Amino acid sequence: MTSVTCSESVIVGFVLYKKEGVVKMIAVYLLAIVAANLIVTQFGPWASVGTAFLFIGLVITTRDYLHELWSNDGLKWKMAVLIATGGLISYILNADSGRIALASFIAFSISETVDALLYHKLREHGWYVKVNGSNVASAGLDSVIFPTLAFGTFMPLIILGQFIVKVLGGALWSMLIRPRTTVVILLLALPTVANAQIVAFGGGTVTSDAGTQVVIEQYIAAPAYTKLGIRPYGIISVPVGDVGNPTFVSAVDASIASGKWGWTSAGPGIVWLPFLDYRPQFMLSSTTGFKLHWPGWSAVIIGSTRMESRAWSVVVKLNYTTVFGG
């Protein structure tokens, strides 16, 4: 029961987090350490693989974000106190099991220190390079040191499993921890609305007058109405990287042509920029999709223009589509 409460606290604390909330981020960091240690203590070494993905990935990525916030304000002593506190918590939570307590303290202190040093070395690079580059080193050290010392034997499968999920977990948290993308990426994981007929997940590039950006998108469409094939739909688009902002598109289009090769449609809509000024912009767009050999997969090209600003964009992506209803 205690471990579930800790898990829920981490998730709730993270969702409520704001960029200015350093205290909240410290709380998330420490709660993740608490949850990871309690679960491993209760369920044993194999549980460490699962907790590594959710909690250790969160710990090392949160440390990197605090590193960023403290870069011009007492970084060294604040980071030393943070890591020492985390190590002390790891020891206290496992105090009844001396070997696990010591292993947790040693692994945590070494891996977090290496993470901090390497992140600082990579400080001139972009966010994702800094975070994931430093995470690979710290995840590798933690994965080897903790299970080997804690359980008294070298366990290559557990070490490999921990390393992989820590790196993947860190990569996931490096996207979620950015305040401009958190809510939108969570929306991507939610089930679609009850009346949706088509749900597609895709990834590709968007080229506009501002440049080219990699994006991931979710497309949700209601059933088509009338013989014209008029269909209301929505798109959530999330940029991958430090440039650009998530967007929502609410639109209606009508079928122009369709067949075994694919389809073409066009229509009006509204673009929302929720992390800028929230002001909707009227748009016109045209979509052409080409069915691929693999079931459910298609190549899609979307061209659009915003009427007010005359900004334009072209999205080229691969989609995987699930069809609901008739």
C-alpha atoms as a PDB file:
ATOM      1  CA  MET A   1       0.000   0.000   0.000  1.00  0.00           C
ATOM      2  CA  THR A   2       2.828   2.403   0.847  1.00  0.00           C
ATOM      3  CA  SER A   3       4.539   1.968  -2.525  1.00  0.00           C
ATOM      4  CA  VAL A   4       1.307   2.688  -4.413  1.00  0.00           C
ATOM      5  CA  THR A   5       0.826   5.878  -2.447  1.00  0.00           C
ATOM      6  CA  CYS A   6       4.383   6.955  -3.287  1.00  0.00           C
ATOM      7  CA  SER A   7       3.830   6.203  -6.969  1.00  0.00           C
ATOM      8  CA  GLU A   8       0.643   8.236  -7.030  1.00  0.00           C
ATOM      9  CA  SER A   9       2.360  11.084  -5.219  1.00  0.00           C
ATOM     10  CA  VAL A  10       5.103  11.198  -7.842  1.00  0.00           C
ATOM     11  CA  ILE A  11       2.630  11.284 -10.722  1.00  0.00           C
ATOM     12  CA  VAL A  12       0.362  13.877  -9.113  1.00  0.00           C
ATOM     13  CA  GLY A  13       3.318  16.025  -8.117  1.00  0.00           C
ATOM     14  CA  PHE A  14       4.731  15.874 -11.622  1.00  0.00           C
ATOM     15  CA  VAL A  15       1.470  16.803 -13.352  1.00  0.00           C
ATOM     16  CA  LEU A  16       1.034  19.819 -11.043  1.00  0.00           C
ATOM     17  CA  TYR A  17       4.632  20.929 -11.619  1.00  0.00           C
ATOM     18  CA  LYS A  18       5.395  24.348 -13.094  1.00  0.00           C
ATOM     19  CA  LYS A  19       8.725  25.537 -14.424  1.00  0.00           C
ATOM     20  CA  GLU A  20       9.136  27.994 -11.562  1.00  0.00           C
ATOM     21  CA  GLY A  21       8.395  25.310  -8.949  1.00  0.00           C
ATOM     22  CA  VAL A  22      11.888  24.214  -7.952  1.00  0.00           C
ATOM     23  CA  VAL A  23      10.547  22.985  -4.623  1.00  0.00           C
ATOM     24  CA  LYS A  24       8.014  20.801  -6.429  1.00  0.00           C
ATOM     25  CA  MET A  25      10.726  19.353  -8.633  1.00  0.00           C
ATOM     26  CA  ILE A  26      12.848  18.534  -5.598  1.00  0.00           C
ATOM     27  CA  ALA A  27       9.797  16.841  -4.059  1.00  0.00           C
ATOM     28  CA  VAL A  28       9.295  14.772  -7.234  1.00  0.00           C
ATOM     29  CA  TYR A  29      12.977  13.817  -7.208  1.00  0.00           C
ATOM     30  CA  LEU A  30      12.888  12.651  -3.585  1.00  0.00           C
ATOM     31  CA  LEU A  31       9.492  10.913  -3.864  1.00  0.00           C
ATOM     32  CA  ALA A  32      10.734   8.950  -6.868  1.00  0.00           C
ATOM     33  CA  ILE A  33      13.714   7.763  -4.810  1.00  0.00           C
ATOM     34  CA  VAL A  34      11.380   6.745  -1.979  1.00  0.00           C
ATOM     35  CA  ALA A  35       9.051   4.825  -4.297  1.00  0.00           C
ATOM     36  CA  ALA A  36      11.876   3.013  -6.113  1.00  0.00           C
ATOM     37  CA  ASN A  37      13.534   1.879  -2.891  1.00  0.00           C
ATOM     38  CA  LEU A  38      10.325   0.716  -1.207  1.00  0.00           C
ATOM     39  CA  ILE A  39       9.273  -1.345  -4.216  1.00  0.00           C
ATOM     40  CA  VAL A  40      12.655  -3.053  -4.621  1.00  0.00           C
ATOM     41  CA  THR A  41      12.853  -3.774  -0.884  1.00  0.00           C
ATOM     42  CA  GLN A  42       9.393  -5.325  -0.885  1.00  0.00           C
ATOM     43  CA  PHE A  43       9.485  -7.307  -4.133  1.00  0.00           C
ATOM     44  CA  GLY A  44      13.165  -8.122  -4.704  1.00  0.00           C
ATOM     45  CA  PRO A  45      15.680  -7.721  -7.566  1.00  0.00           C
ATOM     46  CA  TRP A  46      13.325  -8.404 -10.477  1.00  0.00           C
ATOM     47  CA  ALA A  47      11.097  -5.512  -9.400  1.00  0.00           C
ATOM     48  CA  SER A  48      14.064  -3.202  -9.922  1.00  0.00           C
ATOM     49  CA  VAL A  49      13.703  -3.521 -13.699  1.00  0.00           C
ATOM     50  CA  GLY A  50      10.166  -2.137 -13.658  1.00  0.00           C
ATOM     51  CA  THR A  51      10.894   0.616 -11.147  1.00  0.00           C
ATOM     52  CA  ALA A  52      13.968   1.617 -13.130  1.00  0.00           C
ATOM     53  CA  PHE A  53      11.839   2.663 -16.095  1.00  0.00           C
ATOM     54  CA  LEU A  54       9.362   4.780 -14.169  1.00  0.00           C
ATOM     55  CA  PHE A  55      11.277   6.041 -11.158  1.00  0.00           C
ATOM     56  CA  ILE A  56      15.029   5.924 -11.843  1.00  0.00           C
ATOM     57  CA  GLY A  57      14.529   7.440 -15.295  1.00  0.00           C
ATOM     58  CA  LEU A  58      12.552  10.180 -13.562  1.00  0.00           C
ATOM     59  CA  VAL A  59      15.220  10.663 -10.867  1.00  0.00           C
ATOM     60  CA  ILE A  60      18.152  11.169 -13.217  1.00  0.00           C
ATOM     61  CA  THR A  61      16.175  13.372 -15.618  1.00  0.00           C
ATOM     62  CA  THR A  62      14.745  15.521 -12.806  1.00  0.00           C
ATOM     63  CA  ARG A  63      18.275  15.978 -11.478  1.00  0.00           C
ATOM     64  CA  ASP A  64      19.283  17.253 -14.908  1.00  0.00           C
ATOM     65  CA  TYR A  65      16.407  19.716 -14.950  1.00  0.00           C
ATOM     66  CA  LEU A  66      17.323  21.039 -11.504  1.00  0.00           C
ATOM     67  CA  HIS A  67      20.902  21.309 -12.785  1.00  0.00           C
ATOM     68  CA  GLU A  68      19.560  23.576 -15.527  1.00  0.00           C
ATOM     69  CA  LEU A  69      17.547  25.727 -13.108  1.00  0.00           C
ATOM     70  CA  TRP A  70      20.494  26.106 -10.718  1.00  0.00           C
ATOM     71  CA  SER A  71      23.179  26.693 -13.362  1.00  0.00           C
ATOM     72  CA  ASN A  72      23.652  30.340 -12.327  1.00  0.00           C
ATOM     73  CA  ASP A  73      22.700  30.074  -8.679  1.00  0.00           C
ATOM     74  CA  GLY A  74      24.870  28.016  -6.334  1.00  0.00           C
ATOM     75  CA  LEU A  75      24.916  24.947  -8.559  1.00  0.00           C
ATOM     76  CA  LYS A  76      27.734  23.016  -6.857  1.00  0.00           C
ATOM     77  CA  TRP A  77      26.567  23.167  -3.262  1.00  0.00           C
ATOM     78  CA  LYS A  78      22.872  22.739  -4.134  1.00  0.00           C
ATOM     79  CA  MET A  79      23.628  19.709  -6.267  1.00  0.00           C
ATOM     80  CA  ALA A  80      25.868  18.237  -3.553  1.00  0.00           C
ATOM     81  CA  VAL A  81      23.101  18.645  -0.969  1.00  0.00           C
ATOM     82  CA  LEU A  82      20.513  17.162  -3.342  1.00  0.00           C
ATOM     83  CA  ILE A  83      22.586  14.078  -4.128  1.00  0.00           C
ATOM     84  CA  ALA A  84      23.587  13.603  -0.483  1.00  0.00           C
ATOM     85  CA  THR A  85      19.936  13.844   0.589  1.00  0.00           C
ATOM     86  CA  GLY A  86      18.905  11.313  -2.022  1.00  0.00           C
ATOM     87  CA  GLY A  87      21.646   8.942  -0.957  1.00  0.00           C
ATOM     88  CA  LEU A  88      20.718   9.327   2.706  1.00  0.00           C
ATOM     89  CA  ILE A  89      17.053   8.599   1.952  1.00  0.00           C
ATOM     90  CA  SER A  90      18.077   5.496   0.014  1.00  0.00           C
ATOM     91  CA  TYR A  91      20.075   4.287   3.022  1.00  0.00           C
ATOM     92  CA  ILE A  92      17.408   5.027   5.637  1.00  0.00           C
ATOM     93  CA  LEU A  93      14.649   3.304   3.670  1.00  0.00           C
ATOM     94  CA  ASN A  94      16.732   0.125   3.546  1.00  0.00           C
ATOM     95  CA  ALA A  95      18.293   0.404   6.991  1.00  0.00           C
ATOM     96  CA  ASP A  96      16.861  -2.951   8.092  1.00  0.00           C
ATOM     97  CA  SER A  97      18.701  -4.620   5.233  1.00  0.00           C
ATOM     98  CA  GLY A  98      22.289  -3.544   5.600  1.00  0.00           C
ATOM     99  CA  ARG A  99      23.585  -4.842   2.265  1.00  0.00           C
ATOM    100  CA  ILE A 100      20.742  -3.248   0.234  1.00  0.00           C
ATOM    101  CA  ALA A 101      21.049   0.013   2.171  1.00  0.00           C
ATOM    102  CA  LEU A 102      24.767   0.292   1.506  1.00  0.00           C
ATOM    103  CA  ALA A 103      24.394  -0.729  -2.144  1.00  0.00           C
ATOM    104  CA  SER A 104      21.647   1.811  -2.675  1.00  0.00           C
ATOM    105  CA  PHE A 105      23.688   4.591  -1.090  1.00  0.00           C
ATOM    106  CA  ILE A 106      26.855   3.798  -3.057  1.00  0.00           C
ATOM    107  CA  ALA A 107      25.121   3.282  -6.405  1.00  0.00           C
ATOM    108  CA  PHE A 108      23.011   6.386  -6.050  1.00  0.00           C
ATOM    109  CA  SER A 109      25.849   8.658  -4.968  1.00  0.00           C
ATOM    110  CA  ILE A 110      28.240   7.525  -7.709  1.00  0.00           C
ATOM    111  CA  SER A 111      25.737   7.473 -10.569  1.00  0.00           C
ATOM    112  CA  GLU A 112      24.181  10.839  -9.696  1.00  0.00           C
ATOM    113  CA  THR A 113      27.593  12.477  -9.317  1.00  0.00           C
ATOM    114  CA  VAL A 114      28.727  11.149 -12.703  1.00  0.00           C
ATOM    115  CA  ASP A 115      25.422  12.296 -14.213  1.00  0.00           C
ATOM    116  CA  ALA A 116      25.957  15.805 -12.845  1.00  0.00           C
ATOM    117  CA  LEU A 117      29.544  16.023 -14.107  1.00  0.00           C
ATOM    118  CA  LEU A 118      28.757  14.728 -17.579  1.00  0.00           C
ATOM    119  CA  TYR A 119      25.653  16.898 -17.912  1.00  0.00           C
ATOM    120  CA  HIS A 120      27.797  19.919 -17.075  1.00  0.00           C
ATOM    121  CA  LYS A 121      30.323  18.892 -19.739  1.00  0.00           C
ATOM    122  CA  LEU A 122      27.495  18.740 -22.296  1.00  0.00           C
ATOM    123  CA  ARG A 123      25.942  22.051 -21.192  1.00  0.00           C
ATOM    124  CA  GLU A 124      26.515  23.738 -24.567  1.00  0.00           C
ATOM    125  CA  HIS A 125      24.394  21.125 -26.363  1.00  0.00           C
ATOM    126  CA  GLY A 126      20.610  20.976 -26.648  1.00  0.00           C
ATOM    127  CA  TRP A 127      18.359  19.658 -23.878  1.00  0.00           C
ATOM    128  CA  TYR A 128      17.855  16.155 -25.273  1.00  0.00           C
ATOM    129  CA  VAL A 129      21.556  15.614 -25.972  1.00  0.00           C
ATOM    130  CA  LYS A 130      22.551  16.762 -22.480  1.00  0.00           C
ATOM    131  CA  VAL A 131      19.935  14.730 -20.665  1.00  0.00           C
ATOM    132  CA  ASN A 132      20.163  11.485 -22.576  1.00  0.00           C
ATOM    133  CA  GLY A 133      23.941  11.654 -22.980  1.00  0.00           C
ATOM    134  CA  SER A 134      24.477  11.976 -19.228  1.00  0.00           C
ATOM    135  CA  ASN A 135      21.717   9.463 -18.480  1.00  0.00           C
ATOM    136  CA  VAL A 136      23.456   6.694 -20.449  1.00  0.00           C
ATOM    137  CA  ALA A 137      26.539   6.913 -18.227  1.00  0.00           C
ATOM    138  CA  SER A 138      24.684   7.195 -14.910  1.00  0.00           C
ATOM    139  CA  ALA A 139      22.200   4.463 -15.869  1.00  0.00           C
ATOM    140  CA  GLY A 140      25.059   2.121 -16.741  1.00  0.00           C
ATOM    141  CA  LEU A 141      26.850   2.682 -13.440  1.00  0.00           C
ATOM    142  CA  ASP A 142      23.710   2.395 -11.327  1.00  0.00           C
ATOM    143  CA  SER A 143      22.624  -0.758 -13.161  1.00  0.00           C
ATOM    144  CA  VAL A 144      25.908  -2.532 -12.439  1.00  0.00           C
ATOM    145  CA  ILE A 145      26.657  -1.285  -8.910  1.00  0.00           C
ATOM    146  CA  PHE A 146      23.293  -1.605  -7.163  1.00  0.00           C
ATOM    147  CA  PRO A 147      22.188  -5.179  -7.973  1.00  0.00           C
ATOM    148  CA  THR A 148      25.729  -6.545  -7.703  1.00  0.00           C
ATOM    149  CA  LEU A 149      26.322  -5.094  -4.238  1.00  0.00           C
ATOM    150  CA  ALA A 150      22.746  -5.458  -2.995  1.00  0.00           C
ATOM    151  CA  PHE A 151      22.251  -9.117  -3.862  1.00  0.00           C
ATOM    152  CA  GLY A 152      25.841 -10.328  -3.685  1.00  0.00           C
ATOM    153  CA  THR A 153      26.159 -11.683  -7.202  1.00  0.00           C
ATOM    154  CA  PHE A 154      26.631 -10.512 -10.769  1.00  0.00           C
ATOM    155  CA  MET A 155      23.268 -10.753 -12.576  1.00  0.00           C
ATOM    156  CA  PRO A 156      23.809  -9.830 -16.241  1.00  0.00           C
ATOM    157  CA  LEU A 157      20.159 -10.124 -17.314  1.00  0.00           C
ATOM    158  CA  ILE A 158      18.953  -7.830 -14.531  1.00  0.00           C
ATOM    159  CA  ILE A 159      21.824  -5.415 -15.195  1.00  0.00           C
ATOM    160  CA  LEU A 160      21.053  -5.305 -18.923  1.00  0.00           C
ATOM    161  CA  GLY A 161      17.319  -4.979 -18.296  1.00  0.00           C
ATOM    162  CA  GLN A 162      17.830  -2.159 -15.814  1.00  0.00           C
ATOM    163  CA  PHE A 163      20.198  -0.313 -18.113  1.00  0.00           C
ATOM    164  CA  ILE A 164      17.830  -0.468 -21.096  1.00  0.00           C
ATOM    165  CA  VAL A 165      14.741   0.635 -19.187  1.00  0.00           C
ATOM    166  CA  LYS A 166      16.593   3.417 -17.350  1.00  0.00           C
ATOM    167  CA  VAL A 167      17.813   4.861 -20.636  1.00  0.00           C
ATOM    168  CA  LEU A 168      14.368   4.517 -22.221  1.00  0.00           C
ATOM    169  CA  GLY A 169      12.677   5.886 -19.104  1.00  0.00           C
ATOM    170  CA  GLY A 170      15.067   8.823 -19.043  1.00  0.00           C
ATOM    171  CA  ALA A 171      14.362   9.525 -22.723  1.00  0.00           C
ATOM    172  CA  LEU A 172      10.618   9.489 -22.057  1.00  0.00           C
ATOM    173  CA  TRP A 173      10.892  11.757 -19.033  1.00  0.00           C
ATOM    174  CA  SER A 174      13.185  14.131 -20.954  1.00  0.00           C
ATOM    175  CA  MET A 175      10.184  14.836 -23.206  1.00  0.00           C
ATOM    176  CA  LEU A 176       7.527  14.861 -20.493  1.00  0.00           C
ATOM    177  CA  ILE A 177       9.481  17.109 -18.166  1.00  0.00           C
ATOM    178  CA  ARG A 178       9.387  20.006 -20.617  1.00  0.00           C
ATOM    179  CA  PRO A 179       6.421  22.106 -19.415  1.00  0.00           C
ATOM    180  CA  ARG A 180       5.258  22.966 -22.925  1.00  0.00           C
ATOM    181  CA  THR A 181       4.826  19.357 -23.984  1.00  0.00           C
ATOM    182  CA  THR A 182       3.721  17.551 -20.827  1.00  0.00           C
ATOM    183  CA  VAL A 183      -0.028  17.984 -21.159  1.00  0.00           C
ATOM    184  CA  VAL A 184      -0.070  17.402 -24.904  1.00  0.00           C
ATOM    185  CA  ILE A 185       1.950  14.190 -24.780  1.00  0.00           C
ATOM    186  CA  LEU A 186      -0.301  12.899 -22.011  1.00  0.00           C
ATOM    187  CA  LEU A 187      -3.240  13.582 -24.297  1.00  0.00           C
ATOM    188  CA  LEU A 188      -1.625  11.408 -26.955  1.00  0.00           C
ATOM    189  CA  ALA A 189      -1.824   8.458 -24.608  1.00  0.00           C
ATOM    190  CA  LEU A 190      -5.492   8.895 -23.737  1.00  0.00           C
ATOM    191  CA  PRO A 191      -8.237   6.826 -25.352  1.00  0.00           C
ATOM    192  CA  THR A 192     -10.066   8.625 -28.104  1.00  0.00           C
ATOM    193  CA  VAL A 193     -13.541  10.087 -27.797  1.00  0.00           C
ATOM    194  CA  ALA A 194     -16.414   7.619 -27.915  1.00  0.00           C
ATOM    195  CA  ASN A 195     -17.772   8.673 -31.315  1.00  0.00           C
ATOM    196  CA  ALA A 196     -14.450   8.599 -33.155  1.00  0.00           C
ATOM    197  CA  GLN A 197     -14.262   6.367 -36.203  1.00  0.00           C
ATOM    198  CA  ILE A 198     -10.594   6.753 -37.091  1.00  0.00           C
ATOM    199  CA  VAL A 199      -7.588   7.176 -34.814  1.00  0.00           C
ATOM    200  CA  ALA A 200      -4.120   7.472 -36.342  1.00  0.00           C
ATOM    201  CA  PHE A 201      -0.704   7.927 -34.750  1.00  0.00           C
ATOM    202  CA  GLY A 202       2.103   9.256 -36.897  1.00  0.00           C
ATOM    203  CA  GLY A 203       5.489  10.877 -37.080  1.00  0.00           C
ATOM    204  CA  GLY A 204       7.365  12.899 -39.665  1.00  0.00           C
ATOM    205  CA  THR A 205       8.454  16.420 -40.479  1.00  0.00           C
ATOM    206  CA  VAL A 206       6.657  19.733 -40.747  1.00  0.00           C
ATOM    207  CA  THR A 207       8.210  22.352 -43.018  1.00  0.00           C
ATOM    208  CA  SER A 208       7.009  25.934 -42.745  1.00  0.00           C
ATOM    209  CA  ASP A 209       8.174  29.481 -43.283  1.00  0.00           C
ATOM    210  CA  ALA A 210       9.955  29.080 -39.911  1.00  0.00           C
ATOM    211  CA  GLY A 211      11.970  25.998 -40.929  1.00  0.00           C
ATOM    212  CA  THR A 212      11.707  22.212 -40.578  1.00  0.00           C
ATOM    213  CA  GLN A 213      10.795  20.362 -37.389  1.00  0.00           C
ATOM    214  CA  VAL A 214      10.238  16.696 -36.465  1.00  0.00           C
ATOM    215  CA  VAL A 215       6.763  16.063 -35.022  1.00  0.00           C
ATOM    216  CA  ILE A 216       4.623  13.288 -33.621  1.00  0.00           C
ATOM    217  CA  GLU A 217       0.870  13.524 -34.158  1.00  0.00           C
ATOM    218  CA  GLN A 218      -2.434  11.980 -33.221  1.00  0.00           C
ATOM    219  CA  TYR A 219      -5.360  12.217 -35.654  1.00  0.00           C
ATOM    220  CA  ILE A 220      -8.928  11.654 -34.440  1.00  0.00           C
ATOM    221  CA  ALA A 221     -11.824  11.687 -36.910  1.00  0.00           C
ATOM    222  CA  ALA A 222     -15.586  11.299 -36.525  1.00  0.00           C
ATOM    223  CA  PRO A 223     -17.646   9.278 -39.023  1.00  0.00           C
ATOM    224  CA  ALA A 224     -18.116  10.850 -42.463  1.00  0.00           C
ATOM    225  CA  TYR A 225     -21.427  12.565 -43.172  1.00  0.00           C
ATOM    226  CA  THR A 226     -23.353  12.841 -46.464  1.00  0.00           C
ATOM    227  CA  LYS A 227     -22.262  11.570 -49.861  1.00  0.00           C
ATOM    228  CA  LEU A 228     -19.600  14.278 -50.004  1.00  0.00           C
ATOM    229  CA  GLY A 229     -17.646  12.495 -47.291  1.00  0.00           C
ATOM    230  CA  ILE A 230     -17.582  15.513 -44.980  1.00  0.00           C
ATOM    231  CA  ARG A 231     -15.705  14.539 -41.834  1.00  0.00           C
ATOM    232  CA  PRO A 232     -14.868  16.566 -38.677  1.00  0.00           C
ATOM    233  CA  TYR A 233     -11.453  15.751 -37.228  1.00  0.00           C
ATOM    234  CA  GLY A 234      -8.819  16.897 -34.788  1.00  0.00           C
ATOM    235  CA  ILE A 235      -5.017  16.735 -34.770  1.00  0.00           C
ATOM    236  CA  ILE A 236      -2.647  17.038 -31.823  1.00  0.00           C
ATOM    237  CA  SER A 237       0.859  17.844 -33.052  1.00  0.00           C
ATOM    238  CA  VAL A 238       3.903  17.791 -30.747  1.00  0.00           C
ATOM    239  CA  PRO A 239       7.375  18.931 -31.895  1.00  0.00           C
ATOM    240  CA  VAL A 240      10.372  16.774 -30.982  1.00  0.00           C
ATOM    241  CA  GLY A 241      13.216  19.012 -29.848  1.00  0.00           C
ATOM    242  CA  ASP A 242      13.696  22.481 -28.450  1.00  0.00           C
ATOM    243  CA  VAL A 243      12.123  24.383 -31.356  1.00  0.00           C
ATOM    244  CA  GLY A 244       8.419  24.907 -31.947  1.00  0.00           C
ATOM    245  CA  ASN A 245       5.264  24.521 -29.900  1.00  0.00           C
ATOM    246  CA  PRO A 246       2.485  21.935 -29.676  1.00  0.00           C
ATOM    247  CA  THR A 247      -0.625  22.748 -31.707  1.00  0.00           C
ATOM    248  CA  PHE A 248      -4.229  21.605 -31.841  1.00  0.00           C
ATOM    249  CA  VAL A 249      -6.199  21.566 -35.074  1.00  0.00           C
ATOM    250  CA  SER A 250      -9.994  21.354 -35.212  1.00  0.00           C
ATOM    251  CA  ALA A 251     -11.230  21.057 -38.794  1.00  0.00           C
ATOM    252  CA  VAL A 252     -13.724  19.688 -41.284  1.00  0.00           C
ATOM    253  CA  ASP A 253     -12.810  18.335 -44.707  1.00  0.00           C
ATOM    254  CA  ALA A 254     -14.572  16.815 -47.673  1.00  0.00           C
ATOM    255  CA  SER A 255     -13.396  13.947 -49.861  1.00  0.00           C
ATOM    256  CA  ILE A 256     -12.072  14.963 -53.287  1.00  0.00           C
ATOM    257  CA  ALA A 257     -10.920  11.553 -54.504  1.00  0.00           C
ATOM    258  CA  SER A 258     -10.385   8.085 -53.040  1.00  0.00           C
ATOM    259  CA  GLY A 259      -9.512   4.598 -54.211  1.00  0.00           C
ATOM    260  CA  LYS A 260      -7.194   1.673 -53.646  1.00  0.00           C
ATOM    261  CA  TRP A 261      -4.219   4.012 -53.907  1.00  0.00           C
ATOM    262  CA  GLY A 262      -5.372   6.324 -51.093  1.00  0.00           C
ATOM    263  CA  TRP A 263      -7.356   9.537 -50.767  1.00  0.00           C
ATOM    264  CA  THR A 264      -7.354  13.338 -51.127  1.00  0.00           C
ATOM    265  CA  SER A 265      -9.478  15.740 -49.098  1.00  0.00           C
ATOM    266  CA  ALA A 266      -9.609  19.451 -48.304  1.00  0.00           C
ATOM    267  CA  GLY A 267     -11.434  21.854 -46.038  1.00  0.00           C
ATOM    268  CA  PRO A 268     -11.365  24.662 -43.450  1.00  0.00           C
ATOM    269  CA  GLY A 269     -10.352  24.507 -39.817  1.00  0.00           C
ATOM    270  CA  ILE A 270      -8.941  26.298 -36.787  1.00  0.00           C
ATOM    271  CA  VAL A 271      -5.374  26.115 -35.425  1.00  0.00           C
ATOM    272  CA  TRP A 272      -4.873  26.558 -31.680  1.00  0.00           C
ATOM    273  CA  LEU A 273      -1.493  27.427 -30.161  1.00  0.00           C
ATOM    274  CA  PRO A 274      -2.171  26.623 -26.492  1.00  0.00           C
ATOM    275  CA  PHE A 275       1.288  27.448 -25.185  1.00  0.00           C
ATOM    276  CA  LEU A 276       1.535  30.846 -26.850  1.00  0.00           C
ATOM    277  CA  ASP A 277      -1.480  33.160 -26.796  1.00  0.00           C
ATOM    278  CA  TYR A 278      -4.315  30.614 -27.111  1.00  0.00           C
ATOM    279  CA  ARG A 279      -5.709  32.711 -29.957  1.00  0.00           C
ATOM    280  CA  PRO A 280      -7.256  30.538 -32.691  1.00  0.00           C
ATOM    281  CA  GLN A 281      -6.295  31.103 -36.317  1.00  0.00           C
ATOM    282  CA  PHE A 282      -8.470  30.191 -39.283  1.00  0.00           C
ATOM    283  CA  MET A 283      -6.824  27.811 -41.763  1.00  0.00           C
ATOM    284  CA  LEU A 284      -7.367  25.975 -45.035  1.00  0.00           C
ATOM    285  CA  SER A 285      -5.753  22.598 -45.604  1.00  0.00           C
ATOM    286  CA  SER A 286      -5.482  19.759 -48.080  1.00  0.00           C
ATOM    287  CA  THR A 287      -4.560  16.157 -47.231  1.00  0.00           C
ATOM    288  CA  THR A 288      -3.331  13.401 -49.526  1.00  0.00           C
ATOM    289  CA  GLY A 289      -2.741   9.897 -48.211  1.00  0.00           C
ATOM    290  CA  PHE A 290      -1.103   6.937 -49.950  1.00  0.00           C
ATOM    291  CA  LYS A 291      -1.859   3.436 -48.670  1.00  0.00           C
ATOM    292  CA  LEU A 292       1.248   1.351 -48.063  1.00  0.00           C
ATOM    293  CA  HIS A 293       1.761  -2.380 -48.403  1.00  0.00           C
ATOM    294  CA  TRP A 294       1.464  -2.987 -44.644  1.00  0.00           C
ATOM    295  CA  PRO A 295      -2.072  -3.011 -43.208  1.00  0.00           C
ATOM    296  CA  GLY A 296      -2.927   0.169 -41.350  1.00  0.00           C
ATOM    297  CA  TRP A 297       0.106   2.104 -42.610  1.00  0.00           C
ATOM    298  CA  SER A 298      -0.010   5.105 -44.939  1.00  0.00           C
ATOM    299  CA  ALA A 299       2.153   7.998 -46.100  1.00  0.00           C
ATOM    300  CA  VAL A 300       0.394  11.327 -45.610  1.00  0.00           C
ATOM    301  CA  ILE A 301       1.066  14.832 -46.942  1.00  0.00           C
ATOM    302  CA  ILE A 302      -0.812  17.773 -45.410  1.00  0.00           C
ATOM    303  CA  GLY A 303      -0.501  21.291 -46.788  1.00  0.00           C
ATOM    304  CA  SER A 304      -2.094  24.184 -44.907  1.00  0.00           C
ATOM    305  CA  THR A 305      -2.125  27.956 -44.694  1.00  0.00           C
ATOM    306  CA  ARG A 306      -3.301  30.276 -41.924  1.00  0.00           C
ATOM    307  CA  MET A 307      -5.482  32.995 -43.357  1.00  0.00           C
ATOM    308  CA  GLU A 308      -4.633  35.789 -40.908  1.00  0.00           C
ATOM    309  CA  SER A 309      -0.852  35.476 -40.751  1.00  0.00           C
ATOM    310  CA  ARG A 310      -0.474  33.804 -44.176  1.00  0.00           C
ATOM    311  CA  ALA A 311       1.867  31.312 -42.540  1.00  0.00           C
ATOM    312  CA  TRP A 312       2.100  28.004 -44.383  1.00  0.00           C
ATOM    313  CA  SER A 313       3.223  24.492 -43.522  1.00  0.00           C
ATOM    314  CA  VAL A 314       3.662  21.103 -45.171  1.00  0.00           C
ATOM    315  CA  VAL A 315       3.597  17.940 -43.063  1.00  0.00           C
ATOM    316  CA  VAL A 316       5.061  14.704 -44.451  1.00  0.00           C
ATOM    317  CA  LYS A 317       4.565  11.728 -42.154  1.00  0.00           C
ATOM    318  CA  LEU A 318       3.936   8.009 -41.727  1.00  0.00           C
ATOM    319  CA  ASN A 319       0.642   7.064 -40.056  1.00  0.00           C
ATOM    320  CA  TYR A 320      -0.598   3.939 -38.374  1.00  0.00           C
ATOM    321  CA  THR A 321      -4.411   3.941 -38.406  1.00  0.00           C
ATOM    322  CA  THR A 322      -7.013   2.159 -36.313  1.00  0.00           C
ATOM    323  CA  VAL A 323     -10.588   2.214 -37.586  1.00  0.00           C
ATOM    324  CA  PHE A 324     -13.538   2.165 -35.223  1.00  0.00           C
ATOM    325  CA  GLY A 325     -17.099   1.522 -36.379  1.00  0.00           C
ATOM    326  CA  GLY A 326     -18.315   1.146 -39.917  1.00  0.00           C
END
